[in-house]
Amino acid sequence: MPNRTTQPAKLQGSTQNYTWDFLSNLAPGETITSQTVTMSVYSGTDANPSAMISGAASVTNTSVVNQKLTGGVLGVIYEALATVTTSLGQTLAMSSFIAVVPDLP
């Protein structure tokens, strides 16, 4: 079972960066060597949740996974799953629920 993190809601018309910080799961000197983020629907209906992923996930400060998300279906709650492999051979996962809300007027 992956760890869960809290993420802000996403405005439907925005493209914004989301982060997952794995530092507390890493040993001293251990770094992330590969990373992916996948999207699935937790609540609501979206036939193609992976369309929210914009570009490839990246890493900053050797422990923080970054992923741009775009679009999404209004009112749907998505589960974003960040999975990493580390320099010491660990495979770690962290998930977040992200709600898509109306754009600001």
PDB file of N, CA and C in Angstrom:
ATOM      1  N   MET A   1       0.846  -1.173   0.000  1.00  0.00           N
ATOM      2  CA  MET A   1       0.000   0.000   0.000  1.00  0.00           C
ATOM      3  C   MET A   1       0.891   1.235   0.000  1.00  0.00           C
ATOM      4  N   PRO A   2       0.709   2.132  -0.964  1.00  0.00           N
ATOM      5  CA  PRO A   2       1.541   3.329  -1.024  1.00  0.00           C
ATOM      6  C   PRO A   2       1.155   4.328   0.065  1.00  0.00           C
ATOM      7  N   ASN A   3       2.082   5.228   0.376  1.00  0.00           N
ATOM      8  CA  ASN A   3       1.782   6.352   1.255  1.00  0.00           C
ATOM      9  C   ASN A   3       0.854   7.298   0.524  1.00  0.00           C
ATOM     10  N   ARG A   4       0.014   8.010   1.272  1.00  0.00           N
ATOM     11  CA  ARG A   4      -0.859   9.016   0.660  1.00  0.00           C
ATOM     12  C   ARG A   4      -0.391  10.405   1.067  1.00  0.00           C
ATOM     13  N   THR A   5      -0.478  11.328   0.133  1.00  0.00           N
ATOM     14  CA  THR A   5      -0.151  12.722   0.401  1.00  0.00           C
ATOM     15  C   THR A   5      -1.356  13.587   0.064  1.00  0.00           C
ATOM     16  N   THR A   6      -1.351  14.784   0.578  1.00  0.00           N
ATOM     17  CA  THR A   6      -2.413  15.735   0.293  1.00  0.00           C
ATOM     18  C   THR A   6      -1.964  16.661  -0.827  1.00  0.00           C
ATOM     19  N   GLN A   7      -2.835  16.852  -1.799  1.00  0.00           N
ATOM     20  CA  GLN A   7      -2.548  17.749  -2.922  1.00  0.00           C
ATOM     21  C   GLN A   7      -3.705  18.728  -3.058  1.00  0.00           C
ATOM     22  N   PRO A   8      -3.431  19.932  -3.572  1.00  0.00           N
ATOM     23  CA  PRO A   8      -4.524  20.884  -3.797  1.00  0.00           C
ATOM     24  C   PRO A   8      -5.393  20.447  -4.972  1.00  0.00           C
ATOM     25  N   ALA A   9      -6.635  20.935  -4.982  1.00  0.00           N
ATOM     26  CA  ALA A   9      -7.513  20.694  -6.128  1.00  0.00           C
ATOM     27  C   ALA A   9      -6.900  21.345  -7.360  1.00  0.00           C
ATOM     28  N   LYS A  10      -7.278  20.831  -8.530  1.00  0.00           N
ATOM     29  CA  LYS A  10      -6.773  21.361  -9.795  1.00  0.00           C
ATOM     30  C   LYS A  10      -7.894  22.078 -10.523  1.00  0.00           C
ATOM     31  N   LEU A  11      -7.628  23.319 -10.940  1.00  0.00           N
ATOM     32  CA  LEU A  11      -8.594  24.037 -11.767  1.00  0.00           C
ATOM     33  C   LEU A  11      -8.664  23.360 -13.127  1.00  0.00           C
ATOM     34  N   GLN A  12      -9.865  23.161 -13.637  1.00  0.00           N
ATOM     35  CA  GLN A  12     -10.043  22.389 -14.869  1.00  0.00           C
ATOM     36  C   GLN A  12      -9.243  22.937 -16.037  1.00  0.00           C
ATOM     37  N   GLY A  13      -9.164  24.245 -16.202  1.00  0.00           N
ATOM     38  CA  GLY A  13      -8.478  24.827 -17.357  1.00  0.00           C
ATOM     39  C   GLY A  13      -6.988  25.053 -17.155  1.00  0.00           C
ATOM     40  N   SER A  14      -6.458  24.662 -16.010  1.00  0.00           N
ATOM     41  CA  SER A  14      -5.049  24.950 -15.729  1.00  0.00           C
ATOM     42  C   SER A  14      -4.144  23.778 -16.088  1.00  0.00           C
ATOM     43  N   THR A  15      -2.877  24.104 -16.254  1.00  0.00           N
ATOM     44  CA  THR A  15      -1.806  23.109 -16.302  1.00  0.00           C
ATOM     45  C   THR A  15      -0.898  23.489 -15.148  1.00  0.00           C
ATOM     46  N   GLN A  16      -0.756  22.598 -14.192  1.00  0.00           N
ATOM     47  CA  GLN A  16       0.031  22.943 -13.018  1.00  0.00           C
ATOM     48  C   GLN A  16       0.894  21.776 -12.566  1.00  0.00           C
ATOM     49  N   ASN A  17       1.934  22.114 -11.823  1.00  0.00           N
ATOM     50  CA  ASN A  17       2.892  21.137 -11.349  1.00  0.00           C
ATOM     51  C   ASN A  17       2.453  20.575  -9.990  1.00  0.00           C
ATOM     52  N   TYR A  18       2.556  19.266  -9.833  1.00  0.00           N
ATOM     53  CA  TYR A  18       2.307  18.595  -8.557  1.00  0.00           C
ATOM     54  C   TYR A  18       3.587  17.886  -8.149  1.00  0.00           C
ATOM     55  N   THR A  19       3.805  17.763  -6.838  1.00  0.00           N
ATOM     56  CA  THR A  19       5.036  17.155  -6.337  1.00  0.00           C
ATOM     57  C   THR A  19       4.758  16.093  -5.292  1.00  0.00           C
ATOM     58  N   TRP A  20       5.676  15.126  -5.222  1.00  0.00           N
ATOM     59  CA  TRP A  20       5.665  14.070  -4.214  1.00  0.00           C
ATOM     60  C   TRP A  20       7.072  13.991  -3.645  1.00  0.00           C
ATOM     61  N   ASP A  21       7.214  14.204  -2.331  1.00  0.00           N
ATOM     62  CA  ASP A  21       8.525  14.262  -1.687  1.00  0.00           C
ATOM     63  C   ASP A  21       8.826  12.929  -0.999  1.00  0.00           C
ATOM     64  N   PHE A  22       9.819  12.222  -1.515  1.00  0.00           N
ATOM     65  CA  PHE A  22      10.197  10.905  -1.007  1.00  0.00           C
ATOM     66  C   PHE A  22      11.348  10.957   0.003  1.00  0.00           C
ATOM     67  N   LEU A  23      11.790  12.149   0.401  1.00  0.00           N
ATOM     68  CA  LEU A  23      12.980  12.276   1.244  1.00  0.00           C
ATOM     69  C   LEU A  23      12.916  11.418   2.505  1.00  0.00           C
ATOM     70  N   SER A  24      11.779  11.400   3.189  1.00  0.00           N
ATOM     71  CA  SER A  24      11.688  10.652   4.448  1.00  0.00           C
ATOM     72  C   SER A  24      11.757   9.135   4.242  1.00  0.00           C
ATOM     73  N   ASN A  25      11.640   8.678   2.989  1.00  0.00           N
ATOM     74  CA  ASN A  25      11.711   7.242   2.687  1.00  0.00           C
ATOM     75  C   ASN A  25      13.086   6.814   2.180  1.00  0.00           C
ATOM     76  N   LEU A  26      13.996   7.763   2.043  1.00  0.00           N
ATOM     77  CA  LEU A  26      15.318   7.477   1.477  1.00  0.00           C
ATOM     78  C   LEU A  26      16.384   7.432   2.572  1.00  0.00           C
ATOM     79  N   ALA A  27      17.353   6.553   2.404  1.00  0.00           N
ATOM     80  CA  ALA A  27      18.505   6.482   3.296  1.00  0.00           C
ATOM     81  C   ALA A  27      19.453   7.639   2.962  1.00  0.00           C
ATOM     82  N   PRO A  28      20.338   8.015   3.890  1.00  0.00           N
ATOM     83  CA  PRO A  28      21.312   9.060   3.579  1.00  0.00           C
ATOM     84  C   PRO A  28      22.097   8.715   2.310  1.00  0.00           C
ATOM     85  N   GLY A  29      22.144   9.649   1.377  1.00  0.00           N
ATOM     86  CA  GLY A  29      22.860   9.445   0.120  1.00  0.00           C
ATOM     87  C   GLY A  29      22.069   8.732  -0.961  1.00  0.00           C
ATOM     88  N   GLU A  30      20.936   8.148  -0.628  1.00  0.00           N
ATOM     89  CA  GLU A  30      20.107   7.445  -1.610  1.00  0.00           C
ATOM     90  C   GLU A  30      19.369   8.461  -2.476  1.00  0.00           C
ATOM     91  N   THR A  31      19.261   8.184  -3.758  1.00  0.00           N
ATOM     92  CA  THR A  31      18.588   9.087  -4.687  1.00  0.00           C
ATOM     93  C   THR A  31      17.575   8.332  -5.545  1.00  0.00           C
ATOM     94  N   ILE A  32      16.709   9.082  -6.177  1.00  0.00           N
ATOM     95  CA  ILE A  32      15.741   8.510  -7.117  1.00  0.00           C
ATOM     96  C   ILE A  32      16.427   8.371  -8.473  1.00  0.00           C
ATOM     97  N   THR A  33      16.348   7.149  -9.049  1.00  0.00           N
ATOM     98  CA  THR A  33      16.982   6.913 -10.346  1.00  0.00           C
ATOM     99  C   THR A  33      15.974   6.833 -11.493  1.00  0.00           C
ATOM    100  N   SER A  34      14.723   6.532 -11.199  1.00  0.00           N
ATOM    101  CA  SER A  34      13.673   6.574 -12.224  1.00  0.00           C
ATOM    102  C   SER A  34      12.350   6.877 -11.540  1.00  0.00           C
ATOM    103  N   GLN A  35      11.424   7.477 -12.303  1.00  0.00           N
ATOM    104  CA  GLN A  35      10.152   7.907 -11.729  1.00  0.00           C
ATOM    105  C   GLN A  35       9.058   7.887 -12.779  1.00  0.00           C
ATOM    106  N   THR A  36       7.856   7.557 -12.336  1.00  0.00           N
ATOM    107  CA  THR A  36       6.677   7.628 -13.197  1.00  0.00           C
ATOM    108  C   THR A  36       5.502   8.121 -12.357  1.00  0.00           C
ATOM    109  N   VAL A  37       4.551   8.750 -13.017  1.00  0.00           N
ATOM    110  CA  VAL A  37       3.289   9.133 -12.390  1.00  0.00           C
ATOM    111  C   VAL A  37       2.181   8.607 -13.280  1.00  0.00           C
ATOM    112  N   THR A  38       1.210   7.915 -12.685  1.00  0.00           N
ATOM    113  CA  THR A  38       0.048   7.415 -13.412  1.00  0.00           C
ATOM    114  C   THR A  38      -1.210   7.997 -12.783  1.00  0.00           C
ATOM    115  N   MET A  39      -2.260   8.104 -13.585  1.00  0.00           N
ATOM    116  CA  MET A  39      -3.533   8.654 -13.127  1.00  0.00           C
ATOM    117  C   MET A  39      -4.626   7.620 -13.305  1.00  0.00           C
ATOM    118  N   SER A  40      -5.504   7.541 -12.313  1.00  0.00           N
ATOM    119  CA  SER A  40      -6.697   6.705 -12.420  1.00  0.00           C
ATOM    120  C   SER A  40      -7.859   7.461 -11.792  1.00  0.00           C
ATOM    121  N   VAL A  41      -9.073   7.015 -12.073  1.00  0.00           N
ATOM    122  CA  VAL A  41     -10.260   7.657 -11.512  1.00  0.00           C
ATOM    123  C   VAL A  41     -10.566   7.020 -10.170  1.00  0.00           C
ATOM    124  N   TYR A  42     -10.693   7.849  -9.140  1.00  0.00           N
ATOM    125  CA  TYR A  42     -11.114   7.373  -7.819  1.00  0.00           C
ATOM    126  C   TYR A  42     -12.631   7.479  -7.696  1.00  0.00           C
ATOM    127  N   SER A  43     -13.191   8.604  -8.179  1.00  0.00           N
ATOM    128  CA  SER A  43     -14.627   8.840  -8.076  1.00  0.00           C
ATOM    129  C   SER A  43     -15.078   9.659  -9.281  1.00  0.00           C
ATOM    130  N   GLY A  44     -16.133   9.219  -9.936  1.00  0.00           N
ATOM    131  CA  GLY A  44     -16.639   9.915 -11.119  1.00  0.00           C
ATOM    132  C   GLY A  44     -16.345   9.125 -12.373  1.00  0.00           C
ATOM    133  N   THR A  45     -16.418   9.800 -13.519  1.00  0.00           N
ATOM    134  CA  THR A  45     -16.228   9.131 -14.801  1.00  0.00           C
ATOM    135  C   THR A  45     -15.298   9.929 -15.702  1.00  0.00           C
ATOM    136  N   ASP A  46     -14.250   9.272 -16.144  1.00  0.00           N
ATOM    137  CA  ASP A  46     -13.334   9.805 -17.147  1.00  0.00           C
ATOM    138  C   ASP A  46     -12.764   8.602 -17.880  1.00  0.00           C
ATOM    139  N   ALA A  47     -13.058   8.488 -19.163  1.00  0.00           N
ATOM    140  CA  ALA A  47     -12.623   7.334 -19.948  1.00  0.00           C
ATOM    141  C   ALA A  47     -11.119   7.315 -20.192  1.00  0.00           C
ATOM    142  N   ASN A  48     -10.447   8.454 -20.015  1.00  0.00           N
ATOM    143  CA  ASN A  48      -9.018   8.525 -20.312  1.00  0.00           C
ATOM    144  C   ASN A  48      -8.282   9.371 -19.265  1.00  0.00           C
ATOM    145  N   PRO A  49      -8.189   8.909 -18.029  1.00  0.00           N
ATOM    146  CA  PRO A  49      -7.542   9.717 -16.988  1.00  0.00           C
ATOM    147  C   PRO A  49      -6.071  10.004 -17.258  1.00  0.00           C
ATOM    148  N   SER A  50      -5.397   9.143 -17.989  1.00  0.00           N
ATOM    149  CA  SER A  50      -3.980   9.369 -18.272  1.00  0.00           C
ATOM    150  C   SER A  50      -3.750  10.591 -19.161  1.00  0.00           C
ATOM    151  N   ALA A  51      -4.808  11.110 -19.806  1.00  0.00           N
ATOM    152  CA  ALA A  51      -4.676  12.314 -20.627  1.00  0.00           C
ATOM    153  C   ALA A  51      -4.333  13.546 -19.785  1.00  0.00           C
ATOM    154  N   MET A  52      -4.508  13.454 -18.474  1.00  0.00           N
ATOM    155  CA  MET A  52      -4.152  14.577 -17.601  1.00  0.00           C
ATOM    156  C   MET A  52      -2.637  14.755 -17.487  1.00  0.00           C
ATOM    157  N   ILE A  53      -1.872  13.714 -17.741  1.00  0.00           N
ATOM    158  CA  ILE A  53      -0.416  13.783 -17.591  1.00  0.00           C
ATOM    159  C   ILE A  53       0.176  14.561 -18.757  1.00  0.00           C
ATOM    160  N   SER A  54       0.920  15.610 -18.420  1.00  0.00           N
ATOM    161  CA  SER A  54       1.527  16.475 -19.430  1.00  0.00           C
ATOM    162  C   SER A  54       3.045  16.343 -19.348  1.00  0.00           C
ATOM    163  N   GLY A  55       3.619  15.597 -20.280  1.00  0.00           N
ATOM    164  CA  GLY A  55       5.064  15.395 -20.283  1.00  0.00           C
ATOM    165  C   GLY A  55       5.501  14.318 -19.308  1.00  0.00           C
ATOM    166  N   ALA A  56       6.807  14.190 -19.186  1.00  0.00           N
ATOM    167  CA  ALA A  56       7.383  13.152 -18.319  1.00  0.00           C
ATOM    168  C   ALA A  56       7.604  13.694 -16.916  1.00  0.00           C
ATOM    169  N   ALA A  57       7.533  12.799 -15.949  1.00  0.00           N
ATOM    170  CA  ALA A  57       7.859  13.160 -14.568  1.00  0.00           C
ATOM    171  C   ALA A  57       9.349  13.446 -14.464  1.00  0.00           C
ATOM    172  N   SER A  58       9.707  14.353 -13.552  1.00  0.00           N
ATOM    173  CA  SER A  58      11.111  14.682 -13.324  1.00  0.00           C
ATOM    174  C   SER A  58      11.395  14.672 -11.826  1.00  0.00           C
ATOM    175  N   VAL A  59      12.676  14.810 -11.479  1.00  0.00           N
ATOM    176  CA  VAL A  59      13.087  14.821 -10.075  1.00  0.00           C
ATOM    177  C   VAL A  59      13.904  16.076  -9.795  1.00  0.00           C
ATOM    178  N   THR A  60      13.631  16.710  -8.648  1.00  0.00           N
ATOM    179  CA  THR A  60      14.462  17.815  -8.178  1.00  0.00           C
ATOM    180  C   THR A  60      14.970  17.474  -6.779  1.00  0.00           C
ATOM    181  N   ASN A  61      16.119  18.015  -6.427  1.00  0.00           N
ATOM    182  CA  ASN A  61      16.724  17.813  -5.105  1.00  0.00           C
ATOM    183  C   ASN A  61      16.896  16.339  -4.758  1.00  0.00           C
ATOM    184  N   THR A  62      17.052  15.475  -5.723  1.00  0.00           N
ATOM    185  CA  THR A  62      17.282  14.028  -5.611  1.00  0.00           C
ATOM    186  C   THR A  62      16.159  13.254  -4.925  1.00  0.00           C
ATOM    187  N   SER A  63      15.075  13.932  -4.485  1.00  0.00           N
ATOM    188  CA  SER A  63      14.037  13.205  -3.746  1.00  0.00           C
ATOM    189  C   SER A  63      12.607  13.634  -4.052  1.00  0.00           C
ATOM    190  N   VAL A  64      12.411  14.668  -4.865  1.00  0.00           N
ATOM    191  CA  VAL A  64      11.067  15.187  -5.120  1.00  0.00           C
ATOM    192  C   VAL A  64      10.669  14.928  -6.568  1.00  0.00           C
ATOM    193  N   VAL A  65       9.581  14.183  -6.757  1.00  0.00           N
ATOM    194  CA  VAL A  65       9.053  13.904  -8.096  1.00  0.00           C
ATOM    195  C   VAL A  65       8.104  15.034  -8.479  1.00  0.00           C
ATOM    196  N   ASN A  66       8.258  15.539  -9.705  1.00  0.00           N
ATOM    197  CA  ASN A  66       7.430  16.617 -10.248  1.00  0.00           C
ATOM    198  C   ASN A  66       6.680  16.107 -11.473  1.00  0.00           C
ATOM    199  N   GLN A  67       5.380  16.452 -11.554  1.00  0.00           N
ATOM    200  CA  GLN A  67       4.596  16.077 -12.729  1.00  0.00           C
ATOM    201  C   GLN A  67       3.607  17.182 -13.032  1.00  0.00           C
ATOM    202  N   LYS A  68       3.583  17.649 -14.290  1.00  0.00           N
ATOM    203  CA  LYS A  68       2.577  18.606 -14.715  1.00  0.00           C
ATOM    204  C   LYS A  68       1.304  17.851 -15.061  1.00  0.00           C
ATOM    205  N   LEU A  69       0.176  18.393 -14.593  1.00  0.00           N
ATOM    206  CA  LEU A  69      -1.133  17.838 -14.911  1.00  0.00           C
ATOM    207  C   LEU A  69      -1.950  18.898 -15.618  1.00  0.00           C
ATOM    208  N   THR A  70      -2.766  18.463 -16.576  1.00  0.00           N
ATOM    209  CA  THR A  70      -3.578  19.382 -17.358  1.00  0.00           C
ATOM    210  C   THR A  70      -4.983  18.805 -17.539  1.00  0.00           C
ATOM    211  N   GLY A  71      -5.953  19.681 -17.784  1.00  0.00           N
ATOM    212  CA  GLY A  71      -7.318  19.236 -18.088  1.00  0.00           C
ATOM    213  C   GLY A  71      -7.976  18.484 -16.953  1.00  0.00           C
ATOM    214  N   GLY A  72      -8.637  17.393 -17.313  1.00  0.00           N
ATOM    215  CA  GLY A  72      -9.406  16.621 -16.352  1.00  0.00           C
ATOM    216  C   GLY A  72     -10.888  16.916 -16.510  1.00  0.00           C
ATOM    217  N   VAL A  73     -11.714  16.057 -15.947  1.00  0.00           N
ATOM    218  CA  VAL A  73     -13.163  16.194 -16.039  1.00  0.00           C
ATOM    219  C   VAL A  73     -13.674  16.843 -14.755  1.00  0.00           C
ATOM    220  N   LEU A  74     -14.446  17.889 -14.912  1.00  0.00           N
ATOM    221  CA  LEU A  74     -15.002  18.623 -13.791  1.00  0.00           C
ATOM    222  C   LEU A  74     -15.746  17.689 -12.836  1.00  0.00           C
ATOM    223  N   GLY A  75     -15.428  17.765 -11.552  1.00  0.00           N
ATOM    224  CA  GLY A  75     -16.102  16.971 -10.534  1.00  0.00           C
ATOM    225  C   GLY A  75     -15.509  15.602 -10.283  1.00  0.00           C
ATOM    226  N   VAL A  76     -14.585  15.167 -11.118  1.00  0.00           N
ATOM    227  CA  VAL A  76     -13.958  13.857 -10.936  1.00  0.00           C
ATOM    228  C   VAL A  76     -12.833  13.972  -9.913  1.00  0.00           C
ATOM    229  N   ILE A  77     -12.706  12.960  -9.081  1.00  0.00           N
ATOM    230  CA  ILE A  77     -11.573  12.863  -8.160  1.00  0.00           C
ATOM    231  C   ILE A  77     -10.652  11.781  -8.711  1.00  0.00           C
ATOM    232  N   TYR A  78      -9.411  12.174  -8.942  1.00  0.00           N
ATOM    233  CA  TYR A  78      -8.413  11.281  -9.521  1.00  0.00           C
ATOM    234  C   TYR A  78      -7.461  10.788  -8.434  1.00  0.00           C
ATOM    235  N   GLU A  79      -6.867   9.624  -8.674  1.00  0.00           N
ATOM    236  CA  GLU A  79      -5.776   9.174  -7.834  1.00  0.00           C
ATOM    237  C   GLU A  79      -4.508   9.206  -8.681  1.00  0.00           C
ATOM    238  N   ALA A  80      -3.552  10.018  -8.247  1.00  0.00           N
ATOM    239  CA  ALA A  80      -2.248  10.106  -8.913  1.00  0.00           C
ATOM    240  C   ALA A  80      -1.287   9.221  -8.128  1.00  0.00           C
ATOM    241  N   LEU A  81      -0.565   8.348  -8.822  1.00  0.00           N
ATOM    242  CA  LEU A  81       0.379   7.437  -8.177  1.00  0.00           C
ATOM    243  C   LEU A  81       1.782   7.706  -8.706  1.00  0.00           C
ATOM    244  N   ALA A  82       2.645   8.191  -7.820  1.00  0.00           N
ATOM    245  CA  ALA A  82       4.054   8.411  -8.153  1.00  0.00           C
ATOM    246  C   ALA A  82       4.837   7.192  -7.680  1.00  0.00           C
ATOM    247  N   THR A  83       5.563   6.564  -8.596  1.00  0.00           N
ATOM    248  CA  THR A  83       6.359   5.377  -8.277  1.00  0.00           C
ATOM    249  C   THR A  83       7.798   5.656  -8.663  1.00  0.00           C
ATOM    250  N   VAL A  84       8.724   5.319  -7.761  1.00  0.00           N
ATOM    251  CA  VAL A  84      10.142   5.576  -8.023  1.00  0.00           C
ATOM    252  C   VAL A  84      10.970   4.319  -7.755  1.00  0.00           C
ATOM    253  N   THR A  85      12.107   4.263  -8.417  1.00  0.00           N
ATOM    254  CA  THR A  85      13.159   3.292  -8.111  1.00  0.00           C
ATOM    255  C   THR A  85      14.330   4.116  -7.601  1.00  0.00           C
ATOM    256  N   THR A  86      15.036   3.585  -6.591  1.00  0.00           N
ATOM    257  CA  THR A  86      16.116   4.356  -5.976  1.00  0.00           C
ATOM    258  C   THR A  86      17.481   3.741  -6.267  1.00  0.00           C
ATOM    259  N   SER A  87      18.507   4.508  -5.940  1.00  0.00           N
ATOM    260  CA  SER A  87      19.880   4.059  -6.160  1.00  0.00           C
ATOM    261  C   SER A  87      20.250   2.851  -5.302  1.00  0.00           C
ATOM    262  N   LEU A  88      19.457   2.559  -4.266  1.00  0.00           N
ATOM    263  CA  LEU A  88      19.696   1.369  -3.448  1.00  0.00           C
ATOM    264  C   LEU A  88      18.732   0.235  -3.776  1.00  0.00           C
ATOM    265  N   GLY A  89      18.033   0.356  -4.904  1.00  0.00           N
ATOM    266  CA  GLY A  89      17.170  -0.721  -5.388  1.00  0.00           C
ATOM    267  C   GLY A  89      15.784  -0.769  -4.785  1.00  0.00           C
ATOM    268  N   GLN A  90      15.390   0.243  -4.036  1.00  0.00           N
ATOM    269  CA  GLN A  90      14.025   0.271  -3.508  1.00  0.00           C
ATOM    270  C   GLN A  90      13.045   0.679  -4.603  1.00  0.00           C
ATOM    271  N   THR A  91      11.822   0.171  -4.515  1.00  0.00           N
ATOM    272  CA  THR A  91      10.710   0.662  -5.312  1.00  0.00           C
ATOM    273  C   THR A  91       9.710   1.231  -4.319  1.00  0.00           C
ATOM    274  N   LEU A  92       9.441   2.534  -4.431  1.00  0.00           N
ATOM    275  CA  LEU A  92       8.570   3.233  -3.495  1.00  0.00           C
ATOM    276  C   LEU A  92       7.415   3.864  -4.256  1.00  0.00           C
ATOM    277  N   ALA A  93       6.268   3.993  -3.587  1.00  0.00           N
ATOM    278  CA  ALA A  93       5.101   4.605  -4.229  1.00  0.00           C
ATOM    279  C   ALA A  93       4.416   5.554  -3.257  1.00  0.00           C
ATOM    280  N   MET A  94       3.843   6.615  -3.817  1.00  0.00           N
ATOM    281  CA  MET A  94       3.096   7.602  -3.050  1.00  0.00           C
ATOM    282  C   MET A  94       1.896   8.012  -3.893  1.00  0.00           C
ATOM    283  N   SER A  95       0.710   8.029  -3.298  1.00  0.00           N
ATOM    284  CA  SER A  95      -0.478   8.402  -4.066  1.00  0.00           C
ATOM    285  C   SER A  95      -1.130   9.642  -3.472  1.00  0.00           C
ATOM    286  N   SER A  96      -1.931  10.292  -4.299  1.00  0.00           N
ATOM    287  CA  SER A  96      -2.661  11.498  -3.901  1.00  0.00           C
ATOM    288  C   SER A  96      -4.008  11.509  -4.586  1.00  0.00           C
ATOM    289  N   PHE A  97      -5.014  12.020  -3.889  1.00  0.00           N
ATOM    290  CA  PHE A  97      -6.299  12.294  -4.512  1.00  0.00           C
ATOM    291  C   PHE A  97      -6.275  13.738  -4.990  1.00  0.00           C
ATOM    292  N   ILE A  98      -6.699  13.948  -6.245  1.00  0.00           N
ATOM    293  CA  ILE A  98      -6.729  15.288  -6.819  1.00  0.00           C
ATOM    294  C   ILE A  98      -8.102  15.513  -7.443  1.00  0.00           C
ATOM    295  N   ALA A  99      -8.844  16.491  -6.912  1.00  0.00           N
ATOM    296  CA  ALA A  99     -10.166  16.827  -7.434  1.00  0.00           C
ATOM    297  C   ALA A  99     -10.025  17.893  -8.507  1.00  0.00           C
ATOM    298  N   VAL A 100     -10.823  17.781  -9.565  1.00  0.00           N
ATOM    299  CA  VAL A 100     -10.849  18.807 -10.609  1.00  0.00           C
ATOM    300  C   VAL A 100     -12.051  19.700 -10.323  1.00  0.00           C
ATOM    301  N   VAL A 101     -11.769  21.000 -10.178  1.00  0.00           N
ATOM    302  CA  VAL A 101     -12.793  21.973  -9.799  1.00  0.00           C
ATOM    303  C   VAL A 101     -12.943  23.019 -10.899  1.00  0.00           C
ATOM    304  N   PRO A 102     -14.066  23.793 -10.882  1.00  0.00           N
ATOM    305  CA  PRO A 102     -14.278  24.803 -11.931  1.00  0.00           C
ATOM    306  C   PRO A 102     -13.210  25.883 -11.897  1.00  0.00           C
ATOM    307  N   ASP A 103     -12.927  26.425 -13.076  1.00  0.00           N
ATOM    308  CA  ASP A 103     -12.004  27.550 -13.167  1.00  0.00           C
ATOM    309  C   ASP A 103     -12.582  28.738 -12.401  1.00  0.00           C
ATOM    310  N   LEU A 104     -11.691  29.592 -11.918  1.00  0.00           N
ATOM    311  CA  LEU A 104     -12.131  30.802 -11.227  1.00  0.00           C
ATOM    312  C   LEU A 104     -12.800  31.736 -12.228  1.00  0.00           C
ATOM    313  N   PRO A 105     -13.818  32.467 -11.783  1.00  0.00           N
ATOM    314  CA  PRO A 105     -14.513  33.378 -12.719  1.00  0.00           C
ATOM    315  C   PRO A 105     -13.630  34.541 -13.126  1.00  0.00           C
TER     316      PRO A 105
END
